[in-house]
N, C-alpha and C. Protein backbone atom coordinates (compact mmCIF):
# COMPACT_ATOMS: atom_id res chain seq x y z
N UNK A 1 6.20 20.29 -31.97
CA UNK A 1 7.16 20.02 -30.90
C UNK A 1 7.08 18.56 -30.51
N UNK A 2 8.20 17.98 -30.27
CA UNK A 2 8.30 16.53 -29.92
C UNK A 2 7.89 16.27 -28.47
N UNK A 3 7.09 15.20 -28.22
CA UNK A 3 6.69 14.87 -26.86
C UNK A 3 7.95 14.59 -26.00
N UNK A 4 7.81 14.93 -24.72
CA UNK A 4 8.94 14.73 -23.80
C UNK A 4 8.40 14.13 -22.51
N UNK A 5 9.12 13.20 -22.00
CA UNK A 5 8.74 12.53 -20.77
C UNK A 5 9.05 13.37 -19.56
N UNK A 6 8.16 13.41 -18.60
CA UNK A 6 8.43 14.09 -17.33
C UNK A 6 9.81 13.73 -16.81
N UNK A 7 10.55 14.69 -16.31
CA UNK A 7 11.90 14.39 -15.79
C UNK A 7 11.84 13.35 -14.68
N UNK A 8 10.80 13.33 -13.87
CA UNK A 8 10.68 12.29 -12.83
C UNK A 8 10.52 10.92 -13.51
N UNK A 9 9.81 10.84 -14.59
CA UNK A 9 9.69 9.56 -15.33
C UNK A 9 11.04 9.12 -15.90
N UNK A 10 11.76 10.05 -16.45
CA UNK A 10 13.11 9.74 -16.98
C UNK A 10 13.96 9.21 -15.84
N UNK A 11 13.96 9.87 -14.68
CA UNK A 11 14.76 9.45 -13.58
C UNK A 11 14.41 8.07 -13.08
N UNK A 12 13.10 7.83 -12.93
CA UNK A 12 12.67 6.52 -12.41
C UNK A 12 13.05 5.44 -13.40
N UNK A 13 12.87 5.65 -14.68
CA UNK A 13 13.29 4.68 -15.72
C UNK A 13 14.80 4.42 -15.61
N UNK A 14 15.58 5.45 -15.43
CA UNK A 14 17.05 5.29 -15.34
C UNK A 14 17.41 4.45 -14.13
N UNK A 15 16.77 4.72 -12.98
CA UNK A 15 17.08 3.95 -11.77
C UNK A 15 16.66 2.48 -11.91
N UNK A 16 15.53 2.22 -12.55
CA UNK A 16 15.10 0.85 -12.75
C UNK A 16 16.05 0.17 -13.72
N UNK A 17 16.43 0.85 -14.83
CA UNK A 17 17.37 0.25 -15.78
C UNK A 17 18.76 0.01 -15.11
N UNK A 18 19.22 0.92 -14.30
CA UNK A 18 20.51 0.74 -13.62
C UNK A 18 20.46 -0.42 -12.61
N UNK A 19 19.34 -0.54 -11.92
CA UNK A 19 19.22 -1.59 -10.89
C UNK A 19 18.97 -2.97 -11.49
N UNK A 20 18.29 -3.00 -12.64
CA UNK A 20 17.94 -4.25 -13.30
C UNK A 20 18.32 -4.19 -14.79
N UNK A 21 19.61 -4.16 -15.08
CA UNK A 21 20.07 -3.93 -16.46
C UNK A 21 19.64 -5.00 -17.48
N UNK A 22 19.36 -6.21 -17.08
CA UNK A 22 19.01 -7.27 -18.03
C UNK A 22 17.52 -7.52 -18.01
N UNK A 23 16.71 -6.61 -17.44
CA UNK A 23 15.27 -6.82 -17.34
C UNK A 23 14.62 -6.86 -18.71
N UNK A 24 13.43 -7.43 -18.76
CA UNK A 24 12.62 -7.47 -19.95
C UNK A 24 11.99 -6.09 -20.11
N UNK A 25 12.01 -5.55 -21.32
CA UNK A 25 11.42 -4.24 -21.57
C UNK A 25 10.24 -4.31 -22.56
N UNK A 26 9.73 -5.52 -22.76
CA UNK A 26 8.65 -5.72 -23.74
C UNK A 26 7.42 -4.83 -23.46
N UNK A 27 7.05 -4.72 -22.23
CA UNK A 27 5.85 -3.94 -21.85
C UNK A 27 6.16 -2.53 -21.41
N UNK A 28 7.44 -2.07 -21.59
CA UNK A 28 7.79 -0.72 -21.25
C UNK A 28 7.16 0.25 -22.24
N UNK A 29 6.95 1.48 -21.77
CA UNK A 29 6.50 2.51 -22.69
C UNK A 29 6.17 3.77 -21.97
N UNK A 30 6.07 4.85 -22.71
CA UNK A 30 5.65 6.13 -22.08
C UNK A 30 4.76 6.92 -22.99
N UNK A 31 4.95 6.89 -24.31
CA UNK A 31 4.15 7.64 -25.21
C UNK A 31 2.92 6.82 -25.64
N UNK A 32 1.74 7.43 -25.58
CA UNK A 32 0.51 6.70 -25.87
C UNK A 32 0.42 6.22 -27.30
N UNK A 33 -0.19 5.02 -27.47
CA UNK A 33 -0.48 4.49 -28.79
C UNK A 33 -1.87 4.99 -29.24
N UNK A 34 -2.39 4.50 -30.34
CA UNK A 34 -3.69 4.96 -30.84
C UNK A 34 -4.81 4.70 -29.85
N UNK A 35 -4.79 3.62 -29.08
CA UNK A 35 -5.80 3.36 -28.06
C UNK A 35 -5.79 4.48 -27.01
N UNK A 36 -4.59 4.89 -26.58
CA UNK A 36 -4.50 5.96 -25.59
C UNK A 36 -4.92 7.30 -26.18
N UNK A 37 -4.61 7.57 -27.43
CA UNK A 37 -4.93 8.86 -28.05
C UNK A 37 -6.44 9.10 -28.13
N UNK A 38 -7.23 8.03 -28.11
CA UNK A 38 -8.67 8.13 -28.21
C UNK A 38 -9.34 8.53 -26.88
N UNK A 39 -8.58 8.63 -25.82
CA UNK A 39 -9.12 8.91 -24.49
C UNK A 39 -8.14 9.73 -23.67
N UNK A 40 -8.60 10.20 -22.55
CA UNK A 40 -7.74 10.94 -21.62
C UNK A 40 -6.73 9.93 -21.03
N UNK A 41 -5.43 10.26 -21.09
CA UNK A 41 -4.44 9.39 -20.58
C UNK A 41 -3.15 10.16 -20.27
N UNK A 42 -2.48 9.85 -19.20
CA UNK A 42 -1.20 10.49 -18.86
C UNK A 42 -0.12 10.12 -19.86
N UNK A 43 -0.39 9.09 -20.74
CA UNK A 43 0.53 8.68 -21.77
C UNK A 43 0.46 9.62 -22.97
N UNK A 44 -0.55 10.47 -23.04
CA UNK A 44 -0.71 11.41 -24.12
C UNK A 44 -0.04 12.75 -23.79
N UNK A 45 0.63 13.38 -24.73
CA UNK A 45 1.22 14.67 -24.47
C UNK A 45 0.19 15.73 -24.13
N UNK A 46 0.51 16.60 -23.19
CA UNK A 46 -0.39 17.71 -22.86
C UNK A 46 -0.13 18.88 -23.83
N UNK A 47 -0.66 20.06 -23.50
CA UNK A 47 -0.52 21.23 -24.37
C UNK A 47 0.94 21.69 -24.54
N UNK A 48 1.79 21.35 -23.54
CA UNK A 48 3.21 21.72 -23.59
C UNK A 48 4.04 20.50 -24.05
N UNK A 49 3.37 19.42 -24.50
CA UNK A 49 3.98 18.21 -24.97
C UNK A 49 4.64 17.33 -23.85
N UNK A 50 4.26 17.52 -22.58
CA UNK A 50 4.76 16.68 -21.52
C UNK A 50 3.89 15.42 -21.44
N UNK A 51 4.56 14.29 -21.30
CA UNK A 51 3.96 12.99 -21.06
C UNK A 51 4.27 12.67 -19.61
N UNK A 52 3.22 12.26 -18.81
CA UNK A 52 3.40 12.06 -17.38
C UNK A 52 3.10 10.64 -16.94
N UNK A 53 3.46 9.64 -17.76
CA UNK A 53 3.24 8.29 -17.37
C UNK A 53 4.30 7.40 -17.95
N UNK A 54 4.68 6.35 -17.23
CA UNK A 54 5.63 5.34 -17.69
C UNK A 54 5.11 3.96 -17.31
N UNK A 55 5.33 3.01 -18.19
CA UNK A 55 5.03 1.65 -17.88
C UNK A 55 6.36 0.85 -17.83
N UNK A 56 6.47 -0.04 -16.87
CA UNK A 56 7.67 -0.81 -16.67
C UNK A 56 7.32 -2.27 -16.67
N UNK A 57 7.94 -3.07 -17.54
CA UNK A 57 7.64 -4.49 -17.62
C UNK A 57 7.82 -5.18 -16.27
N UNK A 58 6.93 -6.08 -15.99
CA UNK A 58 6.90 -6.78 -14.71
C UNK A 58 8.16 -7.60 -14.48
N UNK A 59 8.75 -8.11 -15.52
CA UNK A 59 9.89 -9.03 -15.45
C UNK A 59 11.21 -8.28 -15.23
N UNK A 60 11.55 -8.06 -14.00
CA UNK A 60 12.79 -7.33 -13.68
C UNK A 60 14.02 -8.23 -13.86
N UNK A 61 13.79 -9.56 -13.91
CA UNK A 61 14.85 -10.51 -14.17
C UNK A 61 14.44 -11.33 -15.36
N UNK A 62 15.35 -11.72 -16.21
CA UNK A 62 15.02 -12.58 -17.36
C UNK A 62 14.34 -13.84 -16.82
N UNK A 63 13.24 -14.23 -17.43
CA UNK A 63 12.52 -15.41 -17.02
C UNK A 63 11.56 -15.21 -15.87
N UNK A 64 11.36 -14.01 -15.40
CA UNK A 64 10.38 -13.65 -14.38
C UNK A 64 10.66 -14.20 -12.96
N UNK A 65 11.83 -14.72 -12.75
CA UNK A 65 12.15 -15.25 -11.44
C UNK A 65 13.28 -14.49 -10.81
N UNK A 66 13.15 -13.99 -9.59
CA UNK A 66 11.89 -13.91 -8.84
C UNK A 66 11.03 -12.77 -9.37
N UNK A 67 9.74 -12.87 -9.11
CA UNK A 67 8.81 -11.84 -9.52
C UNK A 67 8.70 -10.81 -8.35
N UNK A 68 9.41 -9.71 -8.48
CA UNK A 68 9.47 -8.73 -7.38
C UNK A 68 8.90 -7.38 -7.77
N UNK A 69 8.21 -7.27 -8.90
CA UNK A 69 7.66 -5.96 -9.28
C UNK A 69 6.65 -5.46 -8.25
N UNK A 70 5.91 -6.35 -7.64
CA UNK A 70 5.01 -5.95 -6.58
C UNK A 70 5.73 -5.28 -5.42
N UNK A 71 6.93 -5.77 -5.11
CA UNK A 71 7.73 -5.15 -4.03
C UNK A 71 8.17 -3.76 -4.41
N UNK A 72 8.58 -3.58 -5.70
CA UNK A 72 9.00 -2.26 -6.15
C UNK A 72 7.80 -1.31 -6.15
N UNK A 73 6.68 -1.78 -6.65
CA UNK A 73 5.48 -0.92 -6.63
C UNK A 73 5.14 -0.52 -5.22
N UNK A 74 5.28 -1.39 -4.27
CA UNK A 74 4.97 -1.10 -2.89
C UNK A 74 5.98 -0.12 -2.27
N UNK A 75 7.24 -0.23 -2.65
CA UNK A 75 8.23 0.76 -2.16
C UNK A 75 7.96 2.13 -2.69
N UNK A 76 7.55 2.24 -3.95
CA UNK A 76 7.16 3.54 -4.49
C UNK A 76 5.94 4.09 -3.82
N UNK A 77 4.97 3.19 -3.53
CA UNK A 77 3.79 3.60 -2.81
C UNK A 77 4.14 4.10 -1.40
N UNK A 78 4.95 3.40 -0.74
CA UNK A 78 5.39 3.81 0.64
C UNK A 78 6.12 5.15 0.63
N UNK A 79 6.97 5.30 -0.37
CA UNK A 79 7.69 6.60 -0.51
C UNK A 79 6.69 7.73 -0.69
N UNK A 80 5.71 7.52 -1.53
CA UNK A 80 4.68 8.56 -1.81
C UNK A 80 3.81 8.80 -0.57
N UNK A 81 3.44 7.75 0.10
CA UNK A 81 2.60 7.89 1.30
C UNK A 81 3.35 8.68 2.39
N UNK A 82 4.67 8.52 2.50
CA UNK A 82 5.42 9.20 3.51
C UNK A 82 5.57 10.71 3.28
N UNK A 83 5.21 11.09 2.04
CA UNK A 83 5.30 12.50 1.61
C UNK A 83 6.77 12.93 1.49
N UNK A 84 7.68 12.03 1.60
CA UNK A 84 9.10 12.34 1.35
C UNK A 84 9.36 12.64 -0.13
N UNK A 85 8.48 12.12 -0.96
CA UNK A 85 8.54 12.38 -2.40
C UNK A 85 7.11 12.52 -2.89
N UNK A 86 6.78 13.64 -3.47
CA UNK A 86 5.39 13.93 -3.87
C UNK A 86 5.18 13.97 -5.38
N UNK A 87 6.08 13.43 -6.12
CA UNK A 87 6.01 13.48 -7.59
C UNK A 87 5.04 12.53 -8.22
N UNK A 88 4.76 11.42 -7.57
CA UNK A 88 3.92 10.36 -8.17
C UNK A 88 2.45 10.70 -7.89
N UNK A 89 1.62 10.61 -8.94
CA UNK A 89 0.20 10.86 -8.79
C UNK A 89 -0.52 9.57 -8.42
N UNK A 90 -0.22 8.47 -9.09
CA UNK A 90 -0.75 7.17 -8.78
C UNK A 90 0.06 6.04 -9.40
N UNK A 91 -0.16 4.86 -8.91
CA UNK A 91 0.50 3.63 -9.39
C UNK A 91 -0.57 2.59 -9.63
N UNK A 92 -0.49 1.88 -10.77
CA UNK A 92 -1.35 0.76 -11.06
C UNK A 92 -0.53 -0.48 -11.29
N UNK A 93 -0.88 -1.58 -10.61
CA UNK A 93 -0.16 -2.80 -10.82
C UNK A 93 -1.01 -3.99 -10.37
N UNK A 94 -1.05 -5.01 -11.22
CA UNK A 94 -1.64 -6.30 -10.90
C UNK A 94 -3.09 -6.19 -10.36
N UNK A 95 -3.89 -5.38 -11.03
CA UNK A 95 -5.28 -5.23 -10.68
C UNK A 95 -5.56 -4.30 -9.52
N UNK A 96 -4.55 -3.57 -9.06
CA UNK A 96 -4.71 -2.63 -7.94
C UNK A 96 -4.17 -1.25 -8.32
N UNK A 97 -4.70 -0.27 -7.64
CA UNK A 97 -4.27 1.12 -7.83
C UNK A 97 -4.08 1.76 -6.46
N UNK A 98 -3.13 2.68 -6.34
CA UNK A 98 -2.97 3.46 -5.11
C UNK A 98 -2.65 4.90 -5.53
N UNK A 99 -3.12 5.80 -4.65
CA UNK A 99 -2.89 7.23 -4.83
C UNK A 99 -3.15 7.90 -3.49
N UNK A 100 -3.10 9.23 -3.48
CA UNK A 100 -3.37 9.91 -2.23
C UNK A 100 -4.82 9.71 -1.76
N UNK A 101 -5.72 9.38 -2.73
CA UNK A 101 -7.04 9.00 -2.34
C UNK A 101 -6.92 7.72 -1.50
N UNK A 102 -7.53 7.69 -0.36
CA UNK A 102 -7.40 6.61 0.62
C UNK A 102 -5.97 6.46 1.17
N UNK A 103 -5.20 7.59 1.12
CA UNK A 103 -3.88 7.66 1.75
C UNK A 103 -2.93 6.56 1.25
N UNK A 104 -2.87 6.35 -0.03
CA UNK A 104 -1.97 5.44 -0.73
C UNK A 104 -2.21 3.97 -0.38
N UNK A 105 -3.43 3.67 0.05
CA UNK A 105 -3.81 2.26 0.27
C UNK A 105 -4.13 1.60 -1.08
N UNK A 106 -3.65 0.39 -1.29
CA UNK A 106 -4.01 -0.35 -2.50
C UNK A 106 -5.53 -0.63 -2.52
N UNK A 107 -6.16 -0.45 -3.67
CA UNK A 107 -7.56 -0.75 -3.83
C UNK A 107 -7.73 -1.39 -5.22
N UNK A 108 -8.85 -2.03 -5.41
CA UNK A 108 -9.11 -2.69 -6.69
C UNK A 108 -9.16 -1.66 -7.85
N UNK A 109 -8.46 -1.99 -8.94
CA UNK A 109 -8.47 -1.15 -10.14
C UNK A 109 -9.59 -1.63 -11.05
N UNK A 110 -10.47 -0.71 -11.47
CA UNK A 110 -11.62 -1.08 -12.24
C UNK A 110 -11.46 -0.86 -13.75
N UNK A 111 -10.31 -0.41 -14.19
CA UNK A 111 -10.07 -0.20 -15.61
C UNK A 111 -9.99 -1.49 -16.40
N UNK A 112 -10.07 -1.39 -17.74
CA UNK A 112 -10.04 -2.57 -18.61
C UNK A 112 -8.71 -3.31 -18.57
N UNK A 113 -7.60 -2.56 -18.56
CA UNK A 113 -6.27 -3.15 -18.48
C UNK A 113 -5.88 -3.28 -17.03
N UNK A 114 -5.77 -4.49 -16.52
CA UNK A 114 -5.44 -4.69 -15.10
C UNK A 114 -3.94 -4.51 -14.80
N UNK A 115 -3.16 -4.23 -15.80
CA UNK A 115 -1.71 -4.01 -15.60
C UNK A 115 -1.06 -5.15 -14.90
N UNK A 116 -1.28 -6.38 -15.45
CA UNK A 116 -0.66 -7.55 -14.87
C UNK A 116 0.73 -7.81 -15.49
N UNK A 117 1.02 -7.25 -16.61
CA UNK A 117 2.31 -7.46 -17.26
C UNK A 117 3.29 -6.32 -17.05
N UNK A 118 2.80 -5.26 -16.45
CA UNK A 118 3.64 -4.07 -16.23
C UNK A 118 3.11 -3.24 -15.09
N UNK A 119 3.96 -2.40 -14.55
CA UNK A 119 3.56 -1.41 -13.53
C UNK A 119 3.43 -0.10 -14.23
N UNK A 120 2.34 0.59 -13.99
CA UNK A 120 2.10 1.97 -14.54
C UNK A 120 2.35 2.98 -13.41
N UNK A 121 3.13 4.00 -13.72
CA UNK A 121 3.34 5.09 -12.76
C UNK A 121 3.00 6.42 -13.51
N UNK A 122 2.08 7.17 -12.87
CA UNK A 122 1.76 8.50 -13.40
C UNK A 122 2.32 9.56 -12.47
N UNK A 123 2.75 10.64 -13.08
CA UNK A 123 3.41 11.72 -12.30
C UNK A 123 2.59 12.98 -12.32
N UNK A 124 2.77 13.80 -11.32
CA UNK A 124 2.10 15.07 -11.22
C UNK A 124 2.80 16.10 -12.15
N UNK A 125 2.10 17.12 -12.50
CA UNK A 125 2.66 18.18 -13.35
C UNK A 125 3.93 18.80 -12.76
N UNK A 126 3.93 18.92 -11.41
CA UNK A 126 5.10 19.51 -10.73
C UNK A 126 6.36 18.65 -10.92
N UNK A 127 6.19 17.44 -11.35
CA UNK A 127 7.37 16.54 -11.54
C UNK A 127 8.03 16.70 -12.94
N UNK A 128 7.45 17.52 -13.77
CA UNK A 128 7.97 17.64 -15.15
C UNK A 128 9.44 18.04 -15.19
N UNK A 129 9.84 18.92 -14.28
CA UNK A 129 11.23 19.41 -14.25
C UNK A 129 11.99 18.95 -13.00
N UNK A 130 11.54 17.89 -12.37
CA UNK A 130 12.17 17.39 -11.14
C UNK A 130 12.74 16.02 -11.39
N UNK A 131 14.06 15.93 -11.57
CA UNK A 131 14.74 14.70 -11.80
C UNK A 131 15.48 14.19 -10.58
N UNK A 132 14.99 14.49 -9.41
CA UNK A 132 15.62 14.01 -8.18
C UNK A 132 15.60 12.52 -8.11
N UNK A 133 16.59 11.95 -7.43
CA UNK A 133 16.73 10.54 -7.21
C UNK A 133 15.58 9.99 -6.35
N UNK A 134 14.96 8.88 -6.79
CA UNK A 134 13.89 8.27 -5.98
C UNK A 134 14.56 7.45 -4.90
N UNK A 135 14.25 7.76 -3.65
CA UNK A 135 14.88 7.13 -2.49
C UNK A 135 14.14 5.87 -2.10
N UNK A 136 14.28 4.85 -2.89
CA UNK A 136 13.75 3.54 -2.56
C UNK A 136 14.87 2.50 -2.61
N UNK A 137 14.87 1.58 -1.63
CA UNK A 137 16.03 0.72 -1.51
C UNK A 137 16.23 -0.22 -2.68
N UNK A 138 15.19 -0.67 -3.33
CA UNK A 138 15.35 -1.54 -4.49
C UNK A 138 16.04 -0.84 -5.65
N UNK A 139 16.06 0.48 -5.64
CA UNK A 139 16.65 1.25 -6.74
C UNK A 139 17.89 2.04 -6.28
N UNK A 140 18.53 1.56 -5.21
CA UNK A 140 19.76 2.20 -4.73
C UNK A 140 19.58 3.33 -3.72
N UNK A 141 18.37 3.53 -3.29
CA UNK A 141 18.11 4.61 -2.30
C UNK A 141 18.25 4.13 -0.90
N UNK A 142 18.01 5.05 -0.02
CA UNK A 142 18.12 4.77 1.42
C UNK A 142 16.94 3.98 1.96
C-alpha cells in the first residue's frame, strides 16, 4: 500500500501553497528518506501507511525576504495552545520545539537537525482524516 500523508498535513500544505504560491520548496517534504527510515520518525509510514509529518521550506518568498517563517510557526503554535485546533503534535523550527509539554512554550531543540532551513510540523493520529481549514491569519484564517 502506498504511503499517504495525514489529511491535516495535506490541508496545511495546501494553505501554505495558496498563501505563498511562489515560495521555495527545496526543503519541503513529508515521506522519510533513508536517514529517517533508520529511526523512529513521523516522516515514516505507520502500520496503516499514514505519514504524520511535513516540512516546509523557510523561504516563503523568493530570495528569503522577508523571513517570516518564524511568524507562521508561532501562529500555528498559538492556535494549538488555544486548543481551538488539536491536530498538531509538535512544531520544530530554528533550533526550537513546542508541544503541549510546557503548554506550547518554545524550548531549545536538542536534535541533530536544528531545522533552520525549514519548519517541521508533526500531527496526531486523530488528524489522519481531518482536513479542516487551519484558522491562522497568515494562511487566510480568522
